[in-house]
C-alpha atoms as a PDB file:
ATOM      1  CA  MET A   1      40.876  26.742   5.452  1.00  0.00           C
ATOM      2  CA  LEU A   2      40.432  23.051   4.601  1.00  0.00           C
ATOM      3  CA  LYS A   3      39.182  22.350   8.138  1.00  0.00           C
ATOM      4  CA  THR A   4      36.559  25.104   7.813  1.00  0.00           C
ATOM      5  CA  LEU A   5      35.482  23.847   4.394  1.00  0.00           C
ATOM      6  CA  VAL A   6      35.047  20.275   5.740  1.00  0.00           C
ATOM      7  CA  GLN A   7      33.036  21.568   8.718  1.00  0.00           C
ATOM      8  CA  LEU A   8      30.810  23.617   6.408  1.00  0.00           C
ATOM      9  CA  PHE A   9      30.325  20.597   4.156  1.00  0.00           C
ATOM     10  CA  LEU A  10      29.304  18.408   7.143  1.00  0.00           C
ATOM     11  CA  VAL A  11      26.810  21.017   8.358  1.00  0.00           C
ATOM     12  CA  VAL A  12      25.252  21.329   4.885  1.00  0.00           C
ATOM     13  CA  ALA A  13      25.234  17.539   4.441  1.00  0.00           C
ATOM     14  CA  GLY A  14      23.443  17.216   7.790  1.00  0.00           C
ATOM     15  CA  PHE A  15      20.591  19.477   6.631  1.00  0.00           C
ATOM     16  CA  ALA A  16      20.292  18.112   3.093  1.00  0.00           C
ATOM     17  CA  PRO A  17      18.418  14.866   3.928  1.00  0.00           C
ATOM     18  CA  GLY A  18      15.743  16.840   5.759  1.00  0.00           C
ATOM     19  CA  PHE A  19      14.995  18.868   2.642  1.00  0.00           C
ATOM     20  CA  GLY A  20      15.563  16.200  -0.004  1.00  0.00           C
ATOM     21  CA  TYR A  21      12.633  13.826   0.554  1.00  0.00           C
ATOM     22  CA  ASP A  22       8.999  13.755   1.599  1.00  0.00           C
ATOM     23  CA  LYS A  23       7.765  11.594   4.425  1.00  0.00           C
ATOM     24  CA  TYR A  24       4.800   9.318   3.683  1.00  0.00           C
ATOM     25  CA  THR A  25       2.916   6.946   5.900  1.00  0.00           C
ATOM     26  CA  THR A  26       0.548   4.186   4.878  1.00  0.00           C
ATOM     27  CA  HIS A  27      -2.583   2.930   6.561  1.00  0.00           C
ATOM     28  CA  ILE A  28      -4.069  -0.362   5.375  1.00  0.00           C
ATOM     29  CA  GLN A  29      -7.766  -0.996   5.973  1.00  0.00           C
ATOM     30  CA  ASN A  30      -9.440  -4.368   5.630  1.00  0.00           C
ATOM     31  CA  GLY A  31     -12.274  -4.811   3.176  1.00  0.00           C
ATOM     32  CA  ASN A  32     -13.499  -2.139   0.798  1.00  0.00           C
ATOM     33  CA  PRO A  33     -13.774   1.035   2.929  1.00  0.00           C
ATOM     34  CA  TYR A  34     -14.846   3.283   0.034  1.00  0.00           C
ATOM     35  CA  ASN A  35     -17.339   0.760  -1.438  1.00  0.00           C
ATOM     36  CA  LEU A  36     -15.576   0.717  -4.792  1.00  0.00           C
ATOM     37  CA  THR A  37     -16.887  -1.584  -7.492  1.00  0.00           C
ATOM     38  CA  VAL A  38     -14.265  -4.207  -8.289  1.00  0.00           C
ATOM     39  CA  ASP A  39     -14.683  -6.463 -11.334  1.00  0.00           C
ATOM     40  CA  MET A  40     -13.376  -9.894 -10.318  1.00  0.00           C
ATOM     41  CA  THR A  41     -14.185 -11.607 -13.627  1.00  0.00           C
ATOM     42  CA  PRO A  42     -13.487 -14.550 -14.224  1.00  0.00           C
ATOM     43  CA  PHE A  43     -13.274 -15.284 -10.474  1.00  0.00           C
ATOM     44  CA  ILE A  44     -16.304 -16.546  -8.553  1.00  0.00           C
ATOM     45  CA  LYS A  45     -16.659 -15.758  -4.846  1.00  0.00           C
ATOM     46  CA  ILE A  46     -17.417 -18.772  -2.695  1.00  0.00           C
ATOM     47  CA  ASN A  47     -17.499 -18.013   1.030  1.00  0.00           C
ATOM     48  CA  GLU A  48     -14.566 -15.634   1.586  1.00  0.00           C
ATOM     49  CA  SER A  49     -12.345 -16.810  -1.307  1.00  0.00           C
ATOM     50  CA  TYR A  50     -12.345 -16.446  -5.087  1.00  0.00           C
ATOM     51  CA  TYR A  51     -12.089 -19.344  -7.556  1.00  0.00           C
ATOM     52  CA  VAL A  52     -11.871 -19.922 -11.331  1.00  0.00           C
ATOM     53  CA  PHE A  53     -13.156 -23.157 -12.819  1.00  0.00           C
ATOM     54  CA  GLY A  54     -11.641 -24.292 -16.106  1.00  0.00           C
ATOM     55  CA  GLN A  55     -13.958 -25.302 -18.918  1.00  0.00           C
ATOM     56  CA  THR A  56     -11.675 -27.861 -20.550  1.00  0.00           C
ATOM     57  CA  LYS A  57      -9.989 -30.981 -19.234  1.00  0.00           C
ATOM     58  CA  VAL A  58      -6.230 -30.400 -18.855  1.00  0.00           C
ATOM     59  CA  ASN A  59      -3.396 -32.026 -16.958  1.00  0.00           C
ATOM     60  CA  TRP A  60      -1.981 -30.670 -13.696  1.00  0.00           C
ATOM     61  CA  TYR A  61       0.861 -28.740 -15.363  1.00  0.00           C
ATOM     62  CA  VAL A  62      -1.415 -26.885 -17.785  1.00  0.00           C
ATOM     63  CA  ALA A  63      -3.844 -26.116 -14.945  1.00  0.00           C
ATOM     64  CA  TYR A  64      -0.942 -24.735 -12.905  1.00  0.00           C
ATOM     65  CA  GLU A  65       0.193 -22.514 -15.786  1.00  0.00           C
ATOM     66  CA  ASN A  66      -3.360 -21.296 -16.392  1.00  0.00           C
ATOM     67  CA  CYS A  67      -3.597 -20.263 -12.740  1.00  0.00           C
ATOM     68  CA  ARG A  68      -0.252 -18.477 -12.863  1.00  0.00           C
ATOM     69  CA  ARG A  69      -1.400 -16.508 -15.937  1.00  0.00           C
ATOM     70  CA  LEU A  70      -4.279 -15.213 -13.798  1.00  0.00           C
ATOM     71  CA  GLN A  71      -1.811 -14.393 -10.992  1.00  0.00           C
ATOM     72  CA  SER A  72      -3.411 -16.986  -8.753  1.00  0.00           C
ATOM     73  CA  GLU A  73      -2.606 -20.433  -7.411  1.00  0.00           C
ATOM     74  CA  LEU A  74      -3.927 -23.909  -8.091  1.00  0.00           C
ATOM     75  CA  VAL A  75      -6.374 -24.731  -5.291  1.00  0.00           C
ATOM     76  CA  THR A  76      -5.322 -26.729  -2.259  1.00  0.00           C
ATOM     77  CA  PHE A  77      -8.141 -27.439   0.162  1.00  0.00           C
ATOM     78  CA  GLU A  78      -6.986 -26.345   3.597  1.00  0.00           C
ATOM     79  CA  THR A  79     -10.144 -27.179   5.540  1.00  0.00           C
ATOM     80  CA  ALA A  80     -13.084 -29.542   5.213  1.00  0.00           C
ATOM     81  CA  GLU A  81     -15.391 -26.495   5.128  1.00  0.00           C
ATOM     82  CA  GLU A  82     -13.592 -25.141   2.054  1.00  0.00           C
ATOM     83  CA  PHE A  83     -13.933 -28.509   0.308  1.00  0.00           C
ATOM     84  CA  ASP A  84     -17.626 -28.723   1.201  1.00  0.00           C
ATOM     85  CA  ALA A  85     -18.298 -25.207  -0.142  1.00  0.00           C
ATOM     86  CA  ILE A  86     -16.628 -25.993  -3.491  1.00  0.00           C
ATOM     87  CA  ALA A  87     -18.362 -29.380  -3.720  1.00  0.00           C
ATOM     88  CA  ALA A  88     -21.739 -27.736  -3.046  1.00  0.00           C
ATOM     89  CA  PHE A  89     -21.050 -25.174  -5.762  1.00  0.00           C
ATOM     90  CA  LEU A  90     -20.023 -27.805  -8.328  1.00  0.00           C
ATOM     91  CA  MET A  91     -22.728 -30.335  -7.464  1.00  0.00           C
ATOM     92  CA  PRO A  92     -25.849 -28.574  -6.137  1.00  0.00           C
ATOM     93  CA  GLU A  93     -28.235 -30.781  -4.162  1.00  0.00           C
ATOM     94  CA  GLU A  94     -31.090 -29.977  -6.560  1.00  0.00           C
ATOM     95  CA  ILE A  95     -29.471 -32.160  -9.253  1.00  0.00           C
ATOM     96  CA  ALA A  96     -30.681 -35.694  -8.823  1.00  0.00           C
ATOM     97  CA  PRO A  97     -28.151 -38.459  -9.596  1.00  0.00           C
ATOM     98  CA  SER A  98     -30.743 -40.183 -11.807  1.00  0.00           C
ATOM     99  CA  THR A  99     -30.638 -37.342 -14.373  1.00  0.00           C
ATOM    100  CA  GLY A 100     -27.447 -38.735 -15.839  1.00  0.00           C
ATOM    101  CA  PRO A 101     -23.820 -39.297 -14.991  1.00  0.00           C
ATOM    102  CA  PRO A 102     -22.070 -36.211 -13.598  1.00  0.00           C
ATOM    103  CA  ALA A 103     -19.034 -34.839 -15.388  1.00  0.00           C
ATOM    104  CA  MET A 104     -17.038 -35.015 -12.138  1.00  0.00           C
ATOM    105  CA  ILE A 105     -17.488 -36.965  -8.955  1.00  0.00           C
ATOM    106  CA  TRP A 106     -16.129 -35.327  -5.809  1.00  0.00           C
ATOM    107  CA  ALA A 107     -15.734 -37.538  -2.773  1.00  0.00           C
ATOM    108  CA  LYS A 108     -14.366 -37.289   0.734  1.00  0.00           C
ATOM    109  CA  PRO A 109     -12.228 -40.180   1.920  1.00  0.00           C
ATOM    110  CA  ALA A 110     -12.867 -42.086   5.095  1.00  0.00           C
ATOM    111  CA  PRO A 111     -12.278 -39.931   8.202  1.00  0.00           C
ATOM    112  CA  THR A 112      -9.195 -41.948   9.145  1.00  0.00           C
ATOM    113  CA  THR A 113      -7.162 -40.869   6.083  1.00  0.00           C
ATOM    114  CA  GLY A 114      -7.483 -37.139   6.681  1.00  0.00           C
ATOM    115  CA  SER A 115      -7.047 -36.094   3.046  1.00  0.00           C
ATOM    116  CA  LEU A 116      -9.343 -34.975   0.260  1.00  0.00           C
ATOM    117  CA  MET A 117      -9.665 -36.793  -3.074  1.00  0.00           C
ATOM    118  CA  HIS A 118     -10.960 -35.962  -6.526  1.00  0.00           C
ATOM    119  CA  ASN A 119     -12.177 -38.837  -8.647  1.00  0.00           C
ATOM    120  CA  SER A 120     -13.055 -38.387 -12.310  1.00  0.00           C
END
């Protein structure tokens, strides 16, 4: 009797997982396949990335915390092209240096150093 009960239990237990859950699959598509409108405020799209520019002068730690509140990261320039795109956005060529001192001065170091600098 016990042997039959255990066998019956194993048979029922073998069928139960097939009836107890639904099977789902996911398919991830790049871009915006349904052309949905996405509000990215306060982010600004520059090339293929999104950036936020603070309006007040803060130290590195406060800037880091501000970025984390927006679920983003403090920028690290990974390529010279990325640096050039941000520099062009912050300092458009139409602004002549003789119109007054800029709030920030962005500069590339000599090619031998291989790093990017921000001078204020």
